[in-house]
C-alpha cells in the first residue's frame, strides 16, 4: 500500500470529483485523491459509461487491469448497493474449488486486501474498488467509501444525463450540418458564446453573426444561423425517397437526380435510361406523389429525409 495523505478530507474528495467532472479531467482527480487518502495501490471505477483505473508504481502495475478484478468479478453483481465489502467477504466459502481459483487469481495480481462498494445509479450499477498489495485497509477506509456513496451516485446520474444530452446535441448538429446549416449563440454585441462545428468551420458565418445581432437590437442571447448552398444528395438518398414518397427504387433515383437540378432527359441519361423510359418513370412519379411539376417534386424531395442520407 502506498503512502497516506491524511490531510485529504472527504470534502476535498467531493470537491475534486465535481471539479473534474465540470472540466475535462473527469474522474481522475477524485480517484487520485482516493488513492492518496486511503494509501491504496490501485483503484477501479466501473460504470455503465466505461471503466476508469489508476495505480501506483508497484506489483501488477504493468499487468492487464482486467486480471486484477478476475478474482472478484463473479461476486460484484451480488453486492448490496451502498455497503462496503472487505476482501474476505467476497471469497466463495461455499466452494473450496472456486475459492482456490479466486485466491490464485488474486495472488497473481498481487492483491492482498480490497474494499469494494456497489453504487446504484439511474444508468445502471457501478463499482468503486480499492486494491492493496501489502497492507490491509482500515475501518476508516470503509467509512470513507460509505460516506462517499451518495455523492458518487449523484455524480453517476449527472454523468449519464450529460452523456445523453451530448449524444442528442451531436445528432442534432450532425443533421443540421448535412443540411448545410450552421448555428451559434451570440450575445447582444454579436460575440459568439457557443457554436456548432459547421459554424466554427465557416469563419464568414461568425462575422455575419455579429452584424445580425447588432441589426436586431436584441438585448439577450439569441441563436443565429446560416446555410451553405445545397449540395448534391448522397447515394443513399433514393432509399429514403422511396420509403418516404412511395416510389420504386428506380423512380426514387430519378427523383433524386431531378432534385439535384438536372433536367428530365439529363437525369435519365445519368441513370442510363432511355428517353421513353425516363418519361414513363416521370409520369409514375408525379402520379404517386401528386407533385404539380418539377419544382413541386423537388420541394417534396428536399423536405423529406433524403437530404439527411
Protein backbone atom coordinates (compact mmCIF):
# COMPACT_ATOMS: atom_id res chain seq x y z
CA UNK A 1 0.00 0.00 0.00
CA UNK A 2 1.31 3.45 -0.86
CA UNK A 3 1.87 6.48 1.35
CA UNK A 4 -1.12 8.07 3.05
CA UNK A 5 -2.22 11.69 2.74
CA UNK A 6 -4.27 12.20 5.88
CA UNK A 7 -4.73 15.89 5.10
CA UNK A 8 -7.07 14.83 2.27
CA UNK A 9 -10.60 15.05 3.69
CA UNK A 10 -13.89 13.71 2.40
CA UNK A 11 -14.83 17.27 1.45
CA UNK A 12 -11.63 17.56 -0.59
CA UNK A 13 -12.51 14.38 -2.45
CA UNK A 14 -16.03 15.63 -3.18
CA UNK A 15 -14.67 18.94 -4.49
CA UNK A 16 -12.14 17.09 -6.66
CA UNK A 17 -14.96 14.97 -8.03
CA UNK A 18 -17.14 17.89 -9.10
CA UNK A 19 -14.24 19.99 -10.37
CA UNK A 20 -13.07 17.10 -12.50
CA UNK A 21 -16.50 16.35 -13.94
CA UNK A 22 -17.15 20.05 -14.59
CA UNK A 23 -13.88 20.35 -16.51
CA UNK A 24 -12.01 17.99 -18.80
CA UNK A 25 -10.33 15.83 -16.15
CA UNK A 26 -13.33 13.59 -15.49
CA UNK A 27 -13.00 11.16 -12.59
CA UNK A 28 -9.19 11.29 -12.46
CA UNK A 29 -8.77 13.96 -9.70
CA UNK A 30 -11.24 12.15 -7.45
CA UNK A 31 -9.60 8.75 -7.97
CA UNK A 32 -6.14 10.24 -7.46
CA UNK A 33 -7.25 11.76 -4.17
CA UNK A 34 -8.83 8.48 -3.13
CA UNK A 35 -5.54 6.67 -3.76
CA UNK A 36 -3.70 9.25 -1.66
CA UNK A 37 -6.24 9.30 1.19
CA UNK A 38 -6.51 5.52 1.60
CA UNK A 39 -2.96 4.59 0.62
CA UNK A 40 -4.37 2.10 -1.88
CA UNK A 41 -2.18 0.79 -4.69
CA UNK A 42 -4.89 0.57 -7.31
CA UNK A 43 -8.40 1.91 -7.72
CA UNK A 44 -11.06 0.91 -10.22
CA UNK A 45 -14.29 2.68 -11.01
CA UNK A 46 -16.56 0.53 -13.16
CA UNK A 47 -19.51 2.47 -14.59
CA UNK A 48 -22.09 1.91 -17.33
CA UNK A 49 -20.19 4.51 -19.38
CA UNK A 50 -16.85 2.71 -19.08
CA UNK A 51 -14.05 1.83 -16.69
CA UNK A 52 -11.51 4.11 -15.00
CA UNK A 53 -8.31 2.85 -13.36
CA UNK A 54 -5.46 4.49 -11.52
CA UNK A 55 -2.47 2.74 -9.96
CA UNK A 56 0.74 3.46 -8.12
CA UNK A 57 4.00 2.06 -9.38
CA UNK A 58 4.28 -1.39 -7.90
CA UNK A 59 3.48 -5.05 -8.29
CA UNK A 60 1.00 -5.71 -11.09
CA UNK A 61 1.19 -2.12 -12.41
CA UNK A 62 2.15 -3.25 -15.89
CA UNK A 63 -0.33 -6.12 -15.98
CA UNK A 64 -3.76 -6.40 -17.51
CA UNK A 65 -6.24 -4.35 -15.41
CA UNK A 66 -8.91 -6.97 -16.03
CA UNK A 67 -6.71 -9.58 -14.31
CA UNK A 68 -6.79 -7.53 -11.11
CA UNK A 69 -10.56 -8.00 -10.95
CA UNK A 70 -10.70 -11.57 -12.21
CA UNK A 71 -10.87 -12.98 -8.70
CA UNK A 72 -13.76 -10.68 -7.78
CA UNK A 73 -15.89 -10.36 -10.90
CA UNK A 74 -18.36 -13.15 -10.05
CA UNK A 75 -19.12 -11.56 -6.69
CA UNK A 76 -19.61 -7.98 -7.93
CA UNK A 77 -23.19 -8.29 -9.26
CA UNK A 78 -24.32 -9.84 -5.94
CA UNK A 79 -23.27 -6.94 -3.71
CA UNK A 80 -25.83 -4.80 -1.93
CA UNK A 81 -25.71 -1.14 -3.08
CA UNK A 82 -24.12 1.28 -0.64
CA UNK A 83 -22.44 -1.35 1.53
CA UNK A 84 -18.64 -1.61 1.65
CA UNK A 85 -17.25 -5.15 1.41
CA UNK A 86 -13.85 -6.40 2.56
CA UNK A 87 -11.91 -8.93 0.53
CA UNK A 88 -12.78 -11.88 2.80
CA UNK A 89 -16.49 -11.17 2.29
CA UNK A 90 -16.04 -11.64 -1.46
CA UNK A 91 -14.38 -15.04 -1.25
CA UNK A 92 -16.55 -18.05 -2.02
CA UNK A 93 -16.56 -20.10 1.19
CA UNK A 94 -19.25 -22.40 -0.18
CA UNK A 95 -16.94 -23.86 -2.82
CA UNK A 96 -13.35 -24.76 -1.97
CA UNK A 97 -12.56 -25.18 -5.64
CA UNK A 98 -13.90 -21.77 -6.59
CA UNK A 99 -12.22 -20.12 -3.59
CA UNK A 100 -8.89 -21.70 -4.55
CA UNK A 101 -9.30 -20.32 -8.08
CA UNK A 102 -10.12 -16.88 -6.65
CA UNK A 103 -7.08 -16.92 -4.38
CA UNK A 104 -4.85 -17.93 -7.28
CA UNK A 105 -6.09 -15.03 -9.41
CA UNK A 106 -5.77 -12.54 -6.54
CA UNK A 107 -2.24 -13.73 -5.78
CA UNK A 108 -1.25 -13.47 -9.44
CA UNK A 109 -2.45 -9.86 -9.44
CA UNK A 110 -0.61 -9.10 -6.18
CA UNK A 111 -3.81 -8.29 -4.26
CA UNK A 112 -3.82 -8.94 -0.52
CA UNK A 113 -6.77 -6.76 0.51
CA UNK A 114 -9.64 -4.90 -1.11
CA UNK A 115 -12.58 -2.67 -0.36
CA UNK A 116 -15.48 -2.86 -2.81
CA UNK A 117 -18.68 -0.84 -2.95
CA UNK A 118 -21.54 -1.20 -5.39
CA UNK A 119 -23.34 2.04 -6.26
CA UNK A 120 -26.83 2.11 -7.74
CA UNK A 121 -27.47 4.85 -10.30
CA UNK A 122 -30.13 5.71 -12.84
CA UNK A 123 -27.94 4.45 -15.67
CA UNK A 124 -27.17 1.09 -14.01
CA UNK A 125 -24.88 -0.28 -11.33
CA UNK A 126 -21.32 0.93 -10.75
CA UNK A 127 -18.50 -0.36 -8.55
CA UNK A 128 -15.77 1.52 -6.70
CA UNK A 129 -12.88 -0.83 -5.87
CA UNK A 130 -9.74 -0.20 -3.80
CA UNK A 131 -6.91 -2.74 -4.02
CA UNK A 132 -3.88 -3.16 -1.77
CA UNK A 133 -0.71 -5.13 -2.41
CA UNK A 134 0.70 -5.40 1.11
CA UNK A 135 -1.10 -3.66 3.95
CA UNK A 136 -4.73 -4.18 4.97
CA UNK A 137 -7.28 -1.41 4.74
CA UNK A 138 -8.65 0.09 7.94
CA UNK A 139 -12.19 0.66 9.16
CA UNK A 140 -11.73 4.35 8.34
CA UNK A 141 -11.32 3.47 4.66
CA UNK A 142 -14.63 1.61 4.66
CA UNK A 143 -16.29 4.54 6.42
CA UNK A 144 -14.85 6.92 3.84
CA UNK A 145 -16.24 4.92 0.93
CA UNK A 146 -19.60 4.61 2.65
CA UNK A 147 -19.74 8.37 3.16
CA UNK A 148 -18.85 9.00 -0.48
CA UNK A 149 -21.53 6.63 -1.83
CA UNK A 150 -24.36 9.23 -2.13
CA UNK A 151 -22.06 11.74 -3.80
CA UNK A 152 -20.74 9.24 -6.32
CA UNK A 153 -24.30 8.08 -7.02
CA UNK A 154 -25.41 11.65 -7.79
CA UNK A 155 -22.31 12.15 -9.94
CA UNK A 156 -23.07 8.99 -11.93
CA UNK A 157 -26.62 10.17 -12.57
CA UNK A 158 -25.34 13.53 -13.81
CA UNK A 159 -22.65 11.92 -15.98
CA UNK A 160 -25.27 9.67 -17.59
CA UNK A 161 -27.58 12.65 -18.17
CA UNK A 162 -24.77 14.74 -19.66
CA UNK A 163 -23.80 11.87 -21.93
CA UNK A 164 -27.39 11.67 -23.16
CA UNK A 165 -27.55 15.40 -23.79
CA UNK A 166 -24.22 15.25 -25.60
CA UNK A 167 -25.43 12.45 -27.88
CA UNK A 168 -28.62 14.36 -28.68
CA UNK A 169 -26.66 17.56 -29.36
CA UNK A 170 -24.25 15.73 -31.66
CA UNK A 171 -27.15 14.10 -33.50
CA UNK A 172 -28.91 17.45 -33.96
CA UNK A 173 -25.72 19.23 -35.05
CA UNK A 174 -24.90 16.40 -37.43
CA UNK A 175 -28.34 16.55 -39.04
CA UNK A 176 -28.15 20.33 -39.44
CA UNK A 177 -24.64 20.05 -40.89
CA UNK A 178 -25.88 17.58 -43.52
CA UNK A 179 -28.41 20.22 -44.49
CA UNK A 180 -25.61 22.80 -44.64
CA UNK A 181 -26.93 24.70 -41.62
CA UNK A 182 -24.57 26.14 -39.00
CA UNK A 183 -25.71 27.76 -35.76
CA UNK A 184 -24.22 29.84 -32.99
CA UNK A 185 -25.39 31.51 -29.79
CA UNK A 186 -24.40 35.17 -29.71
CA UNK A 187 -24.77 37.95 -27.17
CA UNK A 188 -26.26 41.39 -27.80
CA UNK A 189 -22.94 42.66 -29.20
CA UNK A 190 -22.66 39.78 -31.66
CA UNK A 191 -19.89 37.92 -29.81
CA UNK A 192 -20.13 34.17 -30.31
CA UNK A 193 -20.74 32.41 -26.99
CA UNK A 194 -21.11 28.88 -28.40
CA UNK A 195 -21.15 27.44 -31.90
CA UNK A 196 -21.58 24.10 -33.62
CA UNK A 197 -18.72 22.56 -35.66
CA UNK A 198 -20.04 23.76 -39.03
CA UNK A 199 -20.26 27.32 -37.78
CA UNK A 200 -16.73 27.12 -36.43
CA UNK A 201 -15.50 25.82 -39.79
CA UNK A 202 -17.13 28.73 -41.66
CA UNK A 203 -15.36 31.87 -40.46
CA UNK A 204 -17.55 34.10 -42.63
CA UNK A 205 -20.59 32.84 -40.78
CA UNK A 206 -19.14 34.09 -37.49
CA UNK A 207 -18.58 37.56 -38.93
CA UNK A 208 -22.14 37.65 -40.25
CA UNK A 209 -23.43 36.74 -36.81
CA UNK A 210 -22.19 39.97 -35.29
CA UNK A 211 -23.92 42.08 -37.93
CA UNK A 212 -27.16 40.12 -37.49
CA UNK A 213 -27.17 40.59 -33.73
CA UNK A 214 -26.49 44.34 -33.95
CA UNK A 215 -29.24 44.91 -36.51
CA UNK A 216 -31.76 43.00 -34.41
CA UNK A 217 -31.20 45.24 -31.39
CA UNK A 218 -31.69 42.21 -29.15
CA UNK A 219 -30.70 42.69 -25.54
CA UNK A 220 -30.32 38.99 -24.74
CA UNK A 221 -28.62 35.94 -26.17
CA UNK A 222 -30.02 34.58 -29.41
CA UNK A 223 -29.42 31.80 -31.90
CA UNK A 224 -28.10 32.86 -35.31
CA UNK A 225 -27.98 30.50 -38.29
CA UNK A 226 -26.55 30.39 -41.79
CA UNK A 227 -26.96 27.89 -44.60
CA UNK A 228 -24.45 26.79 -47.19
CA UNK A 229 -25.52 26.32 -50.82
CA UNK A 230 -27.36 22.99 -51.26
CA UNK A 231 -25.09 20.07 -52.05
CA UNK A 232 -25.92 17.05 -54.21
CA UNK A 233 -27.88 14.32 -52.48
CA UNK A 234 -25.93 11.37 -51.15
CA UNK A 235 -26.01 7.98 -52.97
CA UNK A 236 -28.27 6.56 -50.25
CA UNK A 237 -30.91 9.29 -50.75
CA UNK A 238 -33.06 7.23 -53.21
CA UNK A 239 -33.68 4.67 -50.47
CA UNK A 240 -35.16 7.34 -48.21
CA UNK A 241 -37.08 8.94 -51.09
CA UNK A 242 -38.51 5.53 -51.97
CA UNK A 243 -39.65 4.91 -48.40
CA UNK A 244 -40.94 8.42 -47.81
CA UNK A 245 -42.73 9.09 -51.10
CA UNK A 246 -43.83 5.57 -52.02
CA UNK A 247 -41.69 5.30 -55.15
CA UNK A 248 -39.81 2.35 -56.57
CA UNK A 249 -36.03 2.48 -56.18
CA UNK A 250 -35.52 3.48 -59.84
CA UNK A 251 -38.25 6.11 -59.65
CA UNK A 252 -36.68 7.45 -56.46
CA UNK A 253 -33.27 7.60 -58.15
CA UNK A 254 -34.77 9.70 -60.95
CA UNK A 255 -36.48 11.98 -58.40
CA UNK A 256 -33.12 12.46 -56.65
CA UNK A 257 -31.47 13.48 -59.92
CA UNK A 258 -34.26 15.99 -60.58
CA UNK A 259 -33.88 17.39 -57.05
CA UNK A 260 -30.17 17.87 -57.76
CA UNK A 261 -31.13 20.29 -60.55
CA UNK A 262 -30.84 18.08 -63.64
CA UNK A 263 -33.38 18.27 -66.44
CA UNK A 264 -35.60 15.25 -67.03
CA UNK A 265 -33.67 13.93 -70.03
CA UNK A 266 -30.29 14.63 -68.41
CA UNK A 267 -31.41 12.89 -65.20
CA UNK A 268 -32.45 9.83 -67.20
CA UNK A 269 -29.17 9.77 -69.08
CA UNK A 270 -27.22 9.87 -65.82
CA UNK A 271 -29.12 6.75 -64.75
CA UNK A 272 -28.64 5.01 -68.09
CA UNK A 273 -32.33 5.26 -69.03
CA UNK A 274 -33.77 5.83 -72.48
CA UNK A 275 -35.83 8.96 -73.09
CA UNK A 276 -39.01 6.87 -73.33
CA UNK A 277 -38.32 5.03 -70.06
CA UNK A 278 -37.44 8.32 -68.35
CA UNK A 279 -40.77 9.86 -69.36
CA UNK A 280 -42.61 6.74 -68.20
CA UNK A 281 -40.90 6.91 -64.79
CA UNK A 282 -41.63 10.62 -64.61
CA UNK A 283 -45.37 10.11 -65.15
CA UNK A 284 -45.46 7.46 -62.43
CA UNK A 285 -43.53 9.73 -60.04
CA UNK A 286 -45.98 12.61 -60.46
CA UNK A 287 -48.98 10.27 -60.20
CA UNK A 288 -47.73 8.70 -56.97
CA UNK A 289 -46.55 11.90 -55.27
CA UNK A 290 -49.23 14.30 -56.53
CA UNK A 291 -46.46 16.80 -57.35
CA UNK A 292 -47.54 19.63 -59.64
CA UNK A 293 -44.42 19.98 -61.74
CA UNK A 294 -40.68 19.53 -61.17
CA UNK A 295 -40.39 22.43 -58.71
CA UNK A 296 -43.07 20.88 -56.52
CA UNK A 297 -41.36 17.46 -56.77
CA UNK A 298 -38.04 19.00 -55.73
CA UNK A 299 -39.78 20.56 -52.73
CA UNK A 300 -41.16 17.16 -51.71
CA UNK A 301 -37.74 15.53 -52.02
CA UNK A 302 -35.84 18.24 -50.17
CA UNK A 303 -38.35 18.40 -47.32
CA UNK A 304 -38.17 14.62 -46.88
CA UNK A 305 -35.40 12.79 -45.04
CA UNK A 306 -33.39 12.44 -48.26
CA UNK A 307 -31.01 15.39 -47.52
CA UNK A 308 -30.04 13.61 -44.27
CA UNK A 309 -28.89 10.44 -46.04
